[in-house]
Protein backbone atom coordinates (compact mmCIF):
# COMPACT_ATOMS: atom_id res chain seq x y z
CA MET A 1 0.00 0.00 0.00
CA LEU A 2 2.89 2.35 0.71
CA ASN A 3 4.16 1.86 -2.84
CA LEU A 4 0.76 2.84 -4.26
CA ILE A 5 0.87 6.05 -2.24
CA MET A 6 4.42 6.72 -3.46
CA LYS A 7 3.25 6.17 -7.06
CA ASP A 8 0.61 8.85 -6.62
CA ILE A 9 3.12 11.26 -5.12
CA ILE A 10 5.52 10.73 -8.03
CA VAL A 11 2.70 11.25 -10.52
CA GLN A 12 1.64 14.45 -8.77
CA LYS A 13 5.15 15.90 -8.98
CA LYS A 14 4.43 16.56 -12.63
CA SER A 15 1.36 18.58 -11.74
CA ILE A 16 2.96 20.63 -8.98
CA ALA A 17 4.81 23.01 -11.32
CA PHE A 18 1.62 23.81 -13.21
CA ALA A 19 -0.34 24.16 -9.98
CA VAL A 20 2.16 26.59 -8.45
CA LEU A 21 2.11 28.80 -11.55
CA TYR A 22 -1.68 28.67 -11.62
CA ILE A 23 -1.96 29.58 -7.94
CA ALA A 24 0.48 32.49 -8.33
CA PHE A 25 -1.62 33.87 -11.18
CA PHE A 26 -4.81 33.16 -9.25
CA MET A 27 -3.64 35.05 -6.16
CA VAL A 28 -2.49 38.07 -8.17
CA ALA A 29 -5.69 38.20 -10.19
CA LEU A 30 -7.99 37.87 -7.18
CA GLN A 31 -6.09 39.82 -4.53
CA SER A 32 -8.96 42.30 -4.25
CA PHE A 33 -11.07 39.62 -2.53
CA GLY A 34 -8.91 39.79 0.60
CA GLU A 35 -8.80 36.70 2.78
CA MET A 36 -10.95 34.69 0.39
CA THR A 37 -8.08 34.70 -2.11
CA PHE A 38 -5.99 32.39 0.06
CA THR A 39 -8.89 30.01 0.64
CA CYS A 40 -9.72 29.85 -3.05
CA ALA A 41 -6.05 29.34 -3.94
CA ILE A 42 -5.64 26.41 -1.56
CA THR A 43 -8.86 24.84 -2.84
CA ALA A 44 -7.75 25.23 -6.45
CA PHE A 45 -4.28 23.83 -5.66
CA SER A 46 -5.79 20.74 -4.03
CA TYR A 47 -8.20 20.26 -6.91
CA ILE A 48 -5.42 20.48 -9.51
CA LEU A 49 -3.28 17.91 -7.72
CA VAL A 50 -6.07 15.42 -7.14
CA MET A 51 -7.60 15.68 -10.60
CA GLY A 52 -4.15 15.63 -12.22
CA GLY A 53 -3.40 12.31 -10.55
CA PHE A 54 -6.74 10.84 -11.55
CA ALA A 55 -6.37 12.05 -15.15
CA TYR A 56 -2.87 10.60 -15.43
CA ASP A 57 -4.05 7.23 -14.09
CA ASP A 58 -7.04 7.25 -16.43
CA LYS A 59 -4.91 8.16 -19.44
CA ASN A 60 -2.44 5.35 -18.78
CA LYS A 61 -5.10 2.83 -17.73
CA ALA A 62 -3.56 2.32 -14.30
CA ASP A 63 -6.68 0.51 -13.11
CA ILE A 64 -5.77 -2.50 -15.27
CA MET A 65 -2.33 -2.68 -13.66
CA LEU A 66 -3.72 -2.16 -10.16
CA ASN A 67 -6.32 -4.90 -10.62
CA SER A 68 -3.60 -7.35 -11.65
CA LEU A 69 -1.68 -6.86 -8.40
CA PRO A 70 -2.08 -9.39 -5.59
CA LEU A 71 -3.81 -6.84 -3.38
CA LYS A 72 -7.34 -6.62 -2.11
CA ARG A 73 -9.46 -3.92 -3.70
CA TYR A 74 -9.96 -2.43 -0.26
CA ASN A 75 -6.23 -1.71 0.01
CA ILE A 76 -6.09 -0.22 -3.49
CA VAL A 77 -9.01 2.09 -2.79
CA LEU A 78 -7.60 3.04 0.61
CA ALA A 79 -4.22 3.91 -0.92
CA LYS A 80 -5.82 5.88 -3.72
CA TYR A 81 -8.01 8.10 -1.55
CA ILE A 82 -5.67 8.80 1.38
């Protein structure tokens, strides 16, 4: 299960650069909203990382590989959504 979590972290490294640039633009563009800017930026950053990982897995059909592993589906789902 730890290796599945590490796989997701490695996949998300590719999305982090885009997310940081997006958040920087987002905070500059919406700085007139005050404290809501930070909340919106954190929400957008989380969304980009999570959806980027899901999109990468979907594009490369990672579910086929994960289903072929000798792991219970419970462990796969638990590792994916932690």
